[in-house]
N, C-alpha and C. Protein backbone atom coordinates (compact mmCIF):
# COMPACT_ATOMS: atom_id res chain seq x y z
N UNK A 1 12.47 -19.61 -4.53
CA UNK A 1 12.73 -18.19 -4.31
C UNK A 1 11.48 -17.56 -3.68
N UNK A 2 11.64 -16.83 -2.56
CA UNK A 2 10.48 -16.22 -1.93
C UNK A 2 10.18 -14.86 -2.56
N UNK A 3 9.06 -14.24 -2.12
CA UNK A 3 8.61 -12.98 -2.73
C UNK A 3 9.64 -11.87 -2.58
N UNK A 4 10.33 -11.81 -1.43
CA UNK A 4 11.31 -10.75 -1.22
C UNK A 4 12.46 -10.91 -2.22
N UNK A 5 12.96 -12.13 -2.36
CA UNK A 5 14.06 -12.35 -3.32
C UNK A 5 13.62 -12.04 -4.74
N UNK A 6 12.41 -12.48 -5.11
CA UNK A 6 11.89 -12.24 -6.45
C UNK A 6 11.74 -10.73 -6.70
N UNK A 7 11.20 -10.04 -5.71
CA UNK A 7 10.97 -8.60 -5.86
C UNK A 7 12.29 -7.84 -5.93
N UNK A 8 13.30 -8.33 -5.23
CA UNK A 8 14.57 -7.61 -5.16
C UNK A 8 15.48 -7.82 -6.36
N UNK A 9 15.21 -8.78 -7.19
CA UNK A 9 16.10 -9.00 -8.33
C UNK A 9 16.36 -7.72 -9.10
N UNK A 10 15.34 -6.93 -9.44
CA UNK A 10 15.62 -5.70 -10.17
C UNK A 10 15.73 -4.47 -9.28
N UNK A 11 15.87 -4.64 -7.97
CA UNK A 11 15.80 -3.51 -7.05
C UNK A 11 16.79 -2.41 -7.39
N UNK A 12 18.00 -2.77 -7.80
CA UNK A 12 18.99 -1.74 -8.08
C UNK A 12 18.66 -0.94 -9.33
N UNK A 13 17.78 -1.48 -10.18
CA UNK A 13 17.43 -0.79 -11.42
C UNK A 13 16.06 -0.11 -11.35
N UNK A 14 15.31 -0.28 -10.26
CA UNK A 14 13.93 0.20 -10.23
C UNK A 14 13.79 1.69 -10.48
N UNK A 15 14.44 2.51 -9.72
CA UNK A 15 14.26 3.96 -9.83
C UNK A 15 14.86 4.56 -11.10
N UNK A 16 16.07 4.17 -11.53
CA UNK A 16 16.67 4.86 -12.66
C UNK A 16 16.05 4.60 -14.03
N UNK A 17 15.32 3.50 -14.22
CA UNK A 17 14.81 3.21 -15.55
C UNK A 17 13.76 4.23 -15.97
N UNK A 18 13.59 4.42 -17.28
CA UNK A 18 12.61 5.40 -17.78
C UNK A 18 11.20 4.99 -17.38
N UNK A 19 10.91 3.67 -17.38
CA UNK A 19 9.58 3.21 -17.02
C UNK A 19 9.30 3.49 -15.55
N UNK A 20 10.25 3.16 -14.69
CA UNK A 20 10.02 3.37 -13.26
C UNK A 20 10.01 4.86 -12.92
N UNK A 21 10.62 5.69 -13.75
CA UNK A 21 10.56 7.13 -13.52
C UNK A 21 9.15 7.66 -13.80
N UNK A 22 8.46 7.06 -14.76
CA UNK A 22 7.09 7.48 -15.08
C UNK A 22 6.07 6.83 -14.16
N UNK A 23 6.22 5.53 -13.92
CA UNK A 23 5.22 4.77 -13.19
C UNK A 23 4.99 5.24 -11.76
N UNK A 24 6.04 5.44 -10.94
CA UNK A 24 5.76 5.90 -9.57
C UNK A 24 5.01 7.23 -9.54
N UNK A 25 5.35 8.15 -10.42
CA UNK A 25 4.63 9.43 -10.44
C UNK A 25 3.15 9.23 -10.67
N UNK A 26 2.80 8.35 -11.59
CA UNK A 26 1.39 8.07 -11.86
C UNK A 26 0.73 7.41 -10.65
N UNK A 27 1.44 6.48 -10.00
CA UNK A 27 0.88 5.85 -8.80
C UNK A 27 0.70 6.87 -7.68
N UNK A 28 1.69 7.72 -7.50
CA UNK A 28 1.60 8.73 -6.43
C UNK A 28 0.41 9.64 -6.68
N UNK A 29 0.23 10.09 -7.92
CA UNK A 29 -0.92 10.96 -8.24
C UNK A 29 -2.24 10.25 -7.96
N UNK A 30 -2.31 8.96 -8.29
CA UNK A 30 -3.54 8.20 -8.04
C UNK A 30 -3.82 8.13 -6.54
N UNK A 31 -2.80 7.91 -5.73
CA UNK A 31 -2.98 7.87 -4.28
C UNK A 31 -3.39 9.24 -3.76
N UNK A 32 -2.74 10.29 -4.23
CA UNK A 32 -3.08 11.64 -3.78
C UNK A 32 -4.53 11.99 -4.13
N UNK A 33 -4.96 11.63 -5.35
CA UNK A 33 -6.36 11.88 -5.75
C UNK A 33 -7.31 11.11 -4.84
N UNK A 34 -6.97 9.87 -4.54
CA UNK A 34 -7.85 9.05 -3.70
C UNK A 34 -7.95 9.61 -2.28
N UNK A 35 -6.85 10.15 -1.78
CA UNK A 35 -6.85 10.69 -0.41
C UNK A 35 -7.59 12.01 -0.31
N UNK A 36 -7.53 12.82 -1.34
CA UNK A 36 -8.12 14.15 -1.25
C UNK A 36 -7.30 15.03 -0.33
N UNK A 37 -7.96 16.01 0.30
CA UNK A 37 -7.21 16.91 1.19
C UNK A 37 -6.71 16.20 2.45
N UNK A 38 -5.49 16.50 2.82
CA UNK A 38 -4.88 15.95 4.03
C UNK A 38 -4.45 17.13 4.88
N UNK A 39 -4.80 17.09 6.17
CA UNK A 39 -4.51 18.22 7.06
C UNK A 39 -3.01 18.46 7.20
N UNK A 40 -2.24 17.40 7.14
CA UNK A 40 -0.80 17.57 7.24
C UNK A 40 -0.20 17.13 8.55
N UNK A 41 -1.03 16.68 9.49
CA UNK A 41 -0.49 16.20 10.77
C UNK A 41 -0.77 14.71 10.96
N UNK A 42 -1.32 14.06 9.96
CA UNK A 42 -1.68 12.65 10.05
C UNK A 42 -0.44 11.75 10.04
N UNK A 43 -0.69 10.51 10.43
CA UNK A 43 0.32 9.46 10.31
C UNK A 43 -0.07 8.61 9.10
N UNK A 44 0.86 8.50 8.15
CA UNK A 44 0.62 7.75 6.91
C UNK A 44 1.49 6.51 6.93
N UNK A 45 0.87 5.36 6.77
CA UNK A 45 1.54 4.06 6.74
C UNK A 45 1.52 3.52 5.32
N UNK A 46 2.68 3.14 4.81
CA UNK A 46 2.79 2.49 3.51
C UNK A 46 3.17 1.03 3.74
N UNK A 47 2.26 0.12 3.40
CA UNK A 47 2.47 -1.31 3.61
C UNK A 47 3.06 -1.88 2.33
N UNK A 48 4.28 -2.42 2.44
CA UNK A 48 5.00 -2.86 1.25
C UNK A 48 5.67 -1.67 0.60
N UNK A 49 6.29 -0.83 1.42
CA UNK A 49 6.81 0.47 0.96
C UNK A 49 8.02 0.35 0.04
N UNK A 50 8.68 -0.81 0.03
CA UNK A 50 9.85 -0.95 -0.84
C UNK A 50 10.90 0.10 -0.51
N UNK A 51 11.37 0.79 -1.54
CA UNK A 51 12.44 1.77 -1.36
C UNK A 51 11.94 3.16 -0.97
N UNK A 52 10.65 3.24 -0.63
CA UNK A 52 10.13 4.45 0.01
C UNK A 52 9.74 5.60 -0.88
N UNK A 53 9.58 5.37 -2.17
CA UNK A 53 9.24 6.47 -3.08
C UNK A 53 7.94 7.16 -2.75
N UNK A 54 6.90 6.41 -2.43
CA UNK A 54 5.61 7.03 -2.12
C UNK A 54 5.69 7.88 -0.86
N UNK A 55 6.30 7.36 0.19
CA UNK A 55 6.39 8.14 1.43
C UNK A 55 7.23 9.40 1.25
N UNK A 56 8.25 9.32 0.42
CA UNK A 56 9.04 10.51 0.11
C UNK A 56 8.16 11.55 -0.58
N UNK A 57 7.34 11.11 -1.53
CA UNK A 57 6.43 12.02 -2.23
C UNK A 57 5.36 12.57 -1.28
N UNK A 58 4.87 11.73 -0.37
CA UNK A 58 3.89 12.17 0.63
C UNK A 58 4.49 13.28 1.48
N UNK A 59 5.73 13.09 1.92
CA UNK A 59 6.38 14.09 2.77
C UNK A 59 6.60 15.40 2.02
N UNK A 60 6.93 15.31 0.74
CA UNK A 60 7.10 16.54 -0.06
C UNK A 60 5.77 17.28 -0.20
N UNK A 61 4.70 16.52 -0.39
CA UNK A 61 3.38 17.14 -0.60
C UNK A 61 2.81 17.68 0.70
N UNK A 62 2.96 16.93 1.79
CA UNK A 62 2.42 17.32 3.09
C UNK A 62 3.54 17.24 4.12
N UNK A 63 4.36 18.29 4.27
CA UNK A 63 5.56 18.22 5.12
C UNK A 63 5.30 17.87 6.58
N UNK A 64 4.11 18.10 7.10
CA UNK A 64 3.84 17.83 8.51
C UNK A 64 3.43 16.41 8.83
N UNK A 65 3.20 15.58 7.84
CA UNK A 65 2.75 14.21 8.14
C UNK A 65 3.87 13.37 8.75
N UNK A 66 3.46 12.38 9.50
CA UNK A 66 4.39 11.39 10.04
C UNK A 66 4.32 10.20 9.10
N UNK A 67 5.46 9.67 8.68
CA UNK A 67 5.46 8.57 7.73
C UNK A 67 6.04 7.31 8.35
N UNK A 68 5.36 6.20 8.06
CA UNK A 68 5.81 4.88 8.50
C UNK A 68 5.77 3.95 7.30
N UNK A 69 6.86 3.28 7.05
CA UNK A 69 6.90 2.29 5.99
C UNK A 69 7.19 0.92 6.57
N UNK A 70 6.48 -0.09 6.07
CA UNK A 70 6.70 -1.47 6.48
C UNK A 70 6.97 -2.29 5.23
N UNK A 71 8.03 -3.08 5.28
CA UNK A 71 8.40 -3.93 4.15
C UNK A 71 9.22 -5.09 4.69
N UNK A 72 9.13 -6.28 4.07
CA UNK A 72 9.92 -7.40 4.56
C UNK A 72 11.40 -7.34 4.17
N UNK A 73 11.77 -6.40 3.33
CA UNK A 73 13.13 -6.35 2.79
C UNK A 73 13.96 -5.25 3.43
N UNK A 74 14.89 -5.63 4.28
CA UNK A 74 15.75 -4.66 4.97
C UNK A 74 16.57 -3.83 3.98
N UNK A 75 17.02 -4.45 2.90
CA UNK A 75 17.83 -3.73 1.91
C UNK A 75 17.02 -2.59 1.26
N UNK A 76 15.77 -2.86 0.93
CA UNK A 76 14.91 -1.82 0.37
C UNK A 76 14.67 -0.71 1.41
N UNK A 77 14.51 -1.10 2.68
CA UNK A 77 14.27 -0.12 3.73
C UNK A 77 15.47 0.79 3.94
N UNK A 78 16.67 0.28 3.73
CA UNK A 78 17.86 1.15 3.82
C UNK A 78 17.76 2.28 2.81
N UNK A 79 17.35 1.97 1.60
CA UNK A 79 17.17 3.00 0.57
C UNK A 79 16.06 3.97 0.97
N UNK A 80 14.98 3.45 1.56
CA UNK A 80 13.87 4.30 2.00
C UNK A 80 14.34 5.27 3.09
N UNK A 81 15.15 4.78 4.01
CA UNK A 81 15.66 5.64 5.09
C UNK A 81 16.55 6.76 4.55
N UNK A 82 17.28 6.48 3.49
CA UNK A 82 18.10 7.53 2.86
C UNK A 82 17.22 8.61 2.24
N UNK A 83 16.12 8.22 1.63
CA UNK A 83 15.22 9.18 0.98
C UNK A 83 14.46 10.04 2.00
N UNK A 84 14.03 9.40 3.07
CA UNK A 84 13.20 10.10 4.07
C UNK A 84 13.77 9.78 5.45
N UNK A 85 14.86 10.46 5.83
CA UNK A 85 15.55 10.11 7.08
C UNK A 85 14.70 10.26 8.34
N UNK A 86 13.70 11.15 8.32
CA UNK A 86 12.89 11.32 9.52
C UNK A 86 11.64 10.44 9.52
N UNK A 87 11.51 9.56 8.53
CA UNK A 87 10.43 8.59 8.52
C UNK A 87 10.81 7.38 9.37
N UNK A 88 9.82 6.60 9.74
CA UNK A 88 10.04 5.37 10.49
C UNK A 88 9.86 4.21 9.51
N UNK A 89 10.86 3.36 9.38
CA UNK A 89 10.81 2.24 8.45
C UNK A 89 11.09 0.96 9.21
N UNK A 90 10.14 0.02 9.13
CA UNK A 90 10.19 -1.20 9.93
C UNK A 90 10.12 -2.44 9.05
N UNK A 91 10.91 -3.44 9.41
CA UNK A 91 10.82 -4.72 8.73
C UNK A 91 9.57 -5.43 9.23
N UNK A 92 8.77 -5.90 8.31
CA UNK A 92 7.56 -6.62 8.70
C UNK A 92 6.74 -7.01 7.50
N UNK A 93 5.72 -7.79 7.77
CA UNK A 93 4.79 -8.27 6.76
C UNK A 93 3.40 -7.71 7.04
N UNK A 94 2.59 -7.62 6.01
CA UNK A 94 1.23 -7.09 6.15
C UNK A 94 0.40 -7.93 7.11
N UNK A 95 0.67 -9.20 7.18
CA UNK A 95 -0.12 -10.09 8.04
C UNK A 95 0.18 -9.91 9.53
N UNK A 96 1.24 -9.22 9.87
CA UNK A 96 1.60 -8.98 11.28
C UNK A 96 2.33 -7.64 11.36
N UNK A 97 1.59 -6.56 11.18
CA UNK A 97 2.21 -5.23 11.16
C UNK A 97 2.84 -4.91 12.51
N UNK A 98 4.10 -4.47 12.51
CA UNK A 98 4.82 -4.21 13.76
C UNK A 98 4.49 -2.84 14.35
N UNK A 99 3.19 -2.60 14.54
CA UNK A 99 2.72 -1.30 15.02
C UNK A 99 1.64 -1.48 16.08
N UNK A 100 1.52 -0.51 16.98
CA UNK A 100 0.45 -0.58 17.97
C UNK A 100 -0.93 -0.38 17.32
N UNK A 101 -1.94 -0.81 18.01
CA UNK A 101 -3.32 -0.61 17.58
C UNK A 101 -3.61 0.89 17.48
N UNK A 102 -4.41 1.27 16.52
CA UNK A 102 -4.83 2.66 16.23
C UNK A 102 -3.65 3.63 16.16
N UNK A 103 -2.65 3.28 15.36
CA UNK A 103 -1.46 4.13 15.28
C UNK A 103 -1.34 4.89 13.95
N UNK A 104 -2.27 4.70 13.01
CA UNK A 104 -2.18 5.39 11.72
C UNK A 104 -3.53 5.97 11.33
N UNK A 105 -3.48 7.13 10.69
CA UNK A 105 -4.70 7.76 10.16
C UNK A 105 -4.98 7.29 8.74
N UNK A 106 -3.91 7.02 8.01
CA UNK A 106 -4.01 6.66 6.60
C UNK A 106 -3.08 5.47 6.38
N UNK A 107 -3.57 4.46 5.67
CA UNK A 107 -2.73 3.34 5.25
C UNK A 107 -2.86 3.21 3.74
N UNK A 108 -1.76 2.91 3.09
CA UNK A 108 -1.78 2.72 1.64
C UNK A 108 -1.01 1.45 1.29
N UNK A 109 -1.40 0.87 0.18
CA UNK A 109 -0.65 -0.25 -0.39
C UNK A 109 -0.71 -0.10 -1.90
N UNK A 110 0.45 0.03 -2.50
CA UNK A 110 0.50 0.15 -3.95
C UNK A 110 1.25 -1.04 -4.53
N UNK A 111 0.51 -1.85 -5.25
CA UNK A 111 1.07 -2.98 -5.99
C UNK A 111 1.79 -4.00 -5.11
N UNK A 112 1.29 -4.21 -3.89
CA UNK A 112 1.85 -5.29 -3.06
C UNK A 112 0.78 -6.25 -2.56
N UNK A 113 -0.48 -5.85 -2.65
CA UNK A 113 -1.59 -6.67 -2.14
C UNK A 113 -1.57 -8.09 -2.71
N UNK A 114 -1.27 -8.22 -3.96
CA UNK A 114 -1.26 -9.55 -4.60
C UNK A 114 -0.11 -10.43 -4.08
N UNK A 115 0.86 -9.84 -3.40
CA UNK A 115 1.97 -10.59 -2.83
C UNK A 115 1.72 -11.01 -1.38
N UNK A 116 0.68 -10.46 -0.76
CA UNK A 116 0.38 -10.81 0.62
C UNK A 116 -0.05 -12.27 0.67
N UNK A 117 0.52 -13.02 1.58
CA UNK A 117 0.25 -14.46 1.65
C UNK A 117 -1.16 -14.75 2.16
N UNK A 118 -1.66 -13.92 3.08
CA UNK A 118 -3.00 -14.11 3.64
C UNK A 118 -3.68 -12.74 3.66
N UNK A 119 -4.38 -12.43 2.58
CA UNK A 119 -4.97 -11.10 2.43
C UNK A 119 -6.02 -10.81 3.51
N UNK A 120 -6.80 -11.80 3.90
CA UNK A 120 -7.83 -11.57 4.92
C UNK A 120 -7.20 -11.17 6.25
N UNK A 121 -6.17 -11.90 6.66
CA UNK A 121 -5.46 -11.58 7.91
C UNK A 121 -4.81 -10.21 7.80
N UNK A 122 -4.18 -9.93 6.68
CA UNK A 122 -3.50 -8.65 6.49
C UNK A 122 -4.48 -7.48 6.56
N UNK A 123 -5.65 -7.64 5.97
CA UNK A 123 -6.63 -6.54 6.02
C UNK A 123 -7.18 -6.34 7.43
N UNK A 124 -7.28 -7.41 8.20
CA UNK A 124 -7.65 -7.23 9.62
C UNK A 124 -6.56 -6.46 10.36
N UNK A 125 -5.30 -6.70 9.98
CA UNK A 125 -4.19 -5.94 10.56
C UNK A 125 -4.27 -4.46 10.16
N UNK A 126 -4.62 -4.20 8.91
CA UNK A 126 -4.80 -2.81 8.48
C UNK A 126 -5.87 -2.15 9.34
N UNK A 127 -7.00 -2.82 9.52
CA UNK A 127 -8.08 -2.27 10.35
C UNK A 127 -7.61 -2.06 11.79
N UNK A 128 -6.80 -2.97 12.29
CA UNK A 128 -6.30 -2.85 13.67
C UNK A 128 -5.45 -1.61 13.85
N UNK A 129 -4.54 -1.34 12.92
CA UNK A 129 -3.62 -0.22 13.10
C UNK A 129 -4.23 1.13 12.71
N UNK A 130 -5.33 1.11 11.94
CA UNK A 130 -5.98 2.37 11.60
C UNK A 130 -6.78 2.91 12.78
N UNK A 131 -6.76 4.22 12.92
CA UNK A 131 -7.62 4.87 13.90
C UNK A 131 -9.06 4.84 13.39
N UNK A 132 -10.06 4.99 14.28
CA UNK A 132 -11.44 5.04 13.80
C UNK A 132 -11.60 6.10 12.72
N UNK A 133 -12.30 5.74 11.67
CA UNK A 133 -12.54 6.57 10.48
C UNK A 133 -11.28 6.75 9.64
N UNK A 134 -10.23 5.98 9.94
CA UNK A 134 -9.01 6.02 9.14
C UNK A 134 -9.26 5.51 7.73
N UNK A 135 -8.41 5.93 6.81
CA UNK A 135 -8.59 5.61 5.39
C UNK A 135 -7.52 4.62 4.93
N UNK A 136 -7.96 3.67 4.11
CA UNK A 136 -7.05 2.72 3.47
C UNK A 136 -7.19 2.88 1.96
N UNK A 137 -6.07 3.16 1.28
CA UNK A 137 -6.05 3.27 -0.18
C UNK A 137 -5.27 2.08 -0.72
N UNK A 138 -5.92 1.33 -1.59
CA UNK A 138 -5.32 0.15 -2.20
C UNK A 138 -5.24 0.36 -3.71
N UNK A 139 -4.03 0.42 -4.22
CA UNK A 139 -3.81 0.53 -5.66
C UNK A 139 -3.22 -0.79 -6.12
N UNK A 140 -3.92 -1.45 -7.03
CA UNK A 140 -3.56 -2.82 -7.39
C UNK A 140 -3.88 -3.10 -8.86
N UNK A 141 -3.08 -3.94 -9.50
CA UNK A 141 -3.43 -4.35 -10.86
C UNK A 141 -4.80 -5.04 -10.87
N UNK A 142 -5.53 -4.90 -11.96
CA UNK A 142 -6.84 -5.56 -12.07
C UNK A 142 -6.94 -6.28 -13.41
N UNK A 143 -5.91 -7.00 -13.73
CA UNK A 143 -5.86 -7.70 -15.00
C UNK A 143 -6.71 -8.96 -14.98
N UNK A 144 -7.28 -9.30 -16.12
CA UNK A 144 -8.02 -10.56 -16.19
C UNK A 144 -7.09 -11.75 -15.95
N UNK A 145 -7.63 -12.84 -15.42
CA UNK A 145 -6.79 -14.00 -15.11
C UNK A 145 -5.97 -14.50 -16.30
N UNK A 146 -6.50 -14.43 -17.50
CA UNK A 146 -5.75 -14.95 -18.65
C UNK A 146 -4.47 -14.16 -18.89
N UNK A 147 -4.48 -12.85 -18.60
CA UNK A 147 -3.25 -12.05 -18.75
C UNK A 147 -2.24 -12.47 -17.69
N UNK A 148 -2.72 -12.63 -16.46
CA UNK A 148 -1.81 -13.07 -15.38
C UNK A 148 -1.18 -14.40 -15.74
N UNK A 149 -1.99 -15.31 -16.25
CA UNK A 149 -1.46 -16.63 -16.63
C UNK A 149 -0.45 -16.52 -17.77
N UNK A 150 -0.77 -15.73 -18.76
CA UNK A 150 0.11 -15.55 -19.91
C UNK A 150 1.46 -14.95 -19.48
N UNK A 151 1.42 -13.97 -18.59
CA UNK A 151 2.63 -13.29 -18.14
C UNK A 151 3.30 -14.00 -16.97
N UNK A 152 2.67 -15.09 -16.49
CA UNK A 152 3.17 -15.83 -15.33
C UNK A 152 3.27 -14.95 -14.08
N UNK A 153 2.29 -14.09 -13.94
CA UNK A 153 2.18 -13.24 -12.76
C UNK A 153 1.25 -13.89 -11.76
N UNK A 154 1.27 -13.41 -10.52
CA UNK A 154 0.31 -13.94 -9.56
C UNK A 154 -1.11 -13.55 -9.99
N UNK A 155 -2.08 -14.27 -9.51
CA UNK A 155 -3.47 -13.94 -9.80
C UNK A 155 -3.85 -12.71 -8.98
N UNK A 156 -4.50 -11.77 -9.62
CA UNK A 156 -4.93 -10.56 -8.94
C UNK A 156 -6.39 -10.71 -8.53
N UNK A 157 -6.73 -10.22 -7.34
CA UNK A 157 -8.09 -10.31 -6.84
C UNK A 157 -9.02 -9.47 -7.71
N UNK A 158 -10.23 -9.96 -7.91
CA UNK A 158 -11.23 -9.19 -8.63
C UNK A 158 -11.74 -8.06 -7.74
N UNK A 159 -12.47 -7.15 -8.34
CA UNK A 159 -13.07 -6.06 -7.58
C UNK A 159 -13.98 -6.63 -6.49
N UNK A 160 -14.81 -7.60 -6.84
CA UNK A 160 -15.74 -8.19 -5.87
C UNK A 160 -14.98 -8.91 -4.75
N UNK A 161 -13.93 -9.65 -5.09
CA UNK A 161 -13.14 -10.34 -4.07
C UNK A 161 -12.48 -9.34 -3.12
N UNK A 162 -11.92 -8.29 -3.68
CA UNK A 162 -11.26 -7.27 -2.86
C UNK A 162 -12.26 -6.60 -1.92
N UNK A 163 -13.41 -6.21 -2.47
CA UNK A 163 -14.42 -5.54 -1.65
C UNK A 163 -14.96 -6.46 -0.56
N UNK A 164 -15.11 -7.74 -0.86
CA UNK A 164 -15.58 -8.70 0.14
C UNK A 164 -14.55 -8.84 1.28
N UNK A 165 -13.28 -8.92 0.92
CA UNK A 165 -12.22 -9.02 1.94
C UNK A 165 -12.17 -7.75 2.80
N UNK A 166 -12.30 -6.60 2.18
CA UNK A 166 -12.29 -5.33 2.94
C UNK A 166 -13.47 -5.27 3.90
N UNK A 167 -14.65 -5.61 3.42
CA UNK A 167 -15.85 -5.57 4.25
C UNK A 167 -15.72 -6.52 5.44
N UNK A 168 -15.19 -7.72 5.19
CA UNK A 168 -15.01 -8.70 6.27
C UNK A 168 -14.04 -8.20 7.34
N UNK A 169 -13.13 -7.30 6.94
CA UNK A 169 -12.16 -6.73 7.89
C UNK A 169 -12.67 -5.44 8.54
N UNK A 170 -13.95 -5.13 8.37
CA UNK A 170 -14.56 -3.90 8.91
C UNK A 170 -13.99 -2.64 8.29
N UNK A 171 -13.65 -2.76 7.01
CA UNK A 171 -13.22 -1.60 6.22
C UNK A 171 -14.30 -1.36 5.17
N UNK A 172 -15.03 -0.26 5.31
CA UNK A 172 -16.16 0.05 4.42
C UNK A 172 -15.64 0.66 3.13
N UNK A 173 -15.97 0.05 2.01
CA UNK A 173 -15.52 0.54 0.71
C UNK A 173 -16.28 1.82 0.37
N UNK A 174 -15.53 2.89 0.10
CA UNK A 174 -16.13 4.16 -0.29
C UNK A 174 -16.09 4.37 -1.80
N UNK A 175 -15.04 3.85 -2.44
CA UNK A 175 -14.97 3.97 -3.90
C UNK A 175 -14.01 2.92 -4.43
N UNK A 176 -14.25 2.55 -5.68
CA UNK A 176 -13.37 1.62 -6.36
C UNK A 176 -13.47 1.95 -7.84
N UNK A 177 -12.33 2.34 -8.42
CA UNK A 177 -12.39 2.71 -9.83
C UNK A 177 -11.15 2.21 -10.56
N UNK A 178 -11.40 1.79 -11.78
CA UNK A 178 -10.30 1.34 -12.64
C UNK A 178 -9.68 2.55 -13.31
N UNK A 179 -8.39 2.46 -13.54
CA UNK A 179 -7.67 3.52 -14.25
C UNK A 179 -6.53 2.90 -15.02
N UNK A 180 -6.07 3.57 -16.02
CA UNK A 180 -4.98 3.08 -16.87
C UNK A 180 -5.30 1.70 -17.43
N UNK A 181 -6.55 1.37 -17.57
CA UNK A 181 -7.03 0.09 -18.11
C UNK A 181 -6.73 -1.12 -17.24
N UNK A 182 -5.58 -1.17 -16.60
CA UNK A 182 -5.20 -2.39 -15.90
C UNK A 182 -4.95 -2.21 -14.41
N UNK A 183 -5.37 -1.08 -13.84
CA UNK A 183 -5.17 -0.83 -12.41
C UNK A 183 -6.49 -0.41 -11.77
N UNK A 184 -6.61 -0.63 -10.47
CA UNK A 184 -7.81 -0.23 -9.74
C UNK A 184 -7.38 0.44 -8.43
N UNK A 185 -8.02 1.54 -8.12
CA UNK A 185 -7.82 2.21 -6.83
C UNK A 185 -9.08 2.02 -6.00
N UNK A 186 -8.90 1.44 -4.83
CA UNK A 186 -10.02 1.22 -3.91
C UNK A 186 -9.74 2.00 -2.64
N UNK A 187 -10.75 2.75 -2.20
CA UNK A 187 -10.65 3.53 -0.96
C UNK A 187 -11.65 2.94 0.03
N UNK A 188 -11.16 2.61 1.22
CA UNK A 188 -12.02 2.07 2.27
C UNK A 188 -11.76 2.84 3.56
N UNK A 189 -12.76 2.86 4.40
CA UNK A 189 -12.64 3.57 5.68
C UNK A 189 -12.94 2.61 6.82
N UNK A 190 -12.16 2.74 7.87
CA UNK A 190 -12.39 1.89 9.06
C UNK A 190 -13.70 2.32 9.71
N UNK A 191 -14.51 1.35 10.04
CA UNK A 191 -15.76 1.63 10.72
C UNK A 191 -15.48 2.24 12.10
N UNK A 192 -16.41 3.07 12.56
CA UNK A 192 -16.25 3.70 13.88
C UNK A 192 -16.06 2.67 14.98
N UNK A 193 -16.91 1.66 14.97
CA UNK A 193 -16.83 0.61 15.98
C UNK A 193 -16.60 -0.71 15.29
N UNK A 194 -15.69 -1.48 15.86
CA UNK A 194 -15.42 -2.81 15.32
C UNK A 194 -16.50 -3.76 15.84
N UNK A 195 -16.99 -4.68 14.97
CA UNK A 195 -17.97 -5.64 15.45
C UNK A 195 -17.40 -6.51 16.56
N UNK A 196 -18.28 -6.90 17.48
CA UNK A 196 -17.85 -7.73 18.61
C UNK A 196 -17.70 -9.17 18.19
């Protein structure tokens, strides 16, 4: 079973459950705090957008932003298009984003980084599609390996591993903080000039 099939098993139950009703709101608030003030005319890219809850919340908060969601699951994107009909939703993977170079001001990924097959390549793609000084917000579980093993979850990158991958992709880490005990929000900015 691939990641899309595994992720989609509970897709029809994701939004209506009491847990998922609480969890996305907390994730959205964490992303909004990490972003700070947004002018309202930026292009916001959600990598691994799923059914589009974050981009819908972004549009409600900042009505003038342009929203783009990328996800490998067409079925999830159909739900995203229903929520935010004027958003752009594209089938794709983080390792090969289906977007032109320098096409987004802000990129976010919430709880999908650990599913990316090649994180180094994907982060170079994030840097490619971000405009100079663009912001990348990464919200990811930060559980110790023994918890991942016990729960049979994928291994989550450590803070040091994540920061090293971001730096190698020319994304300068501005902040990284743990919250809710088991999650970490990392904010990185694309360097003005990419190394030759």
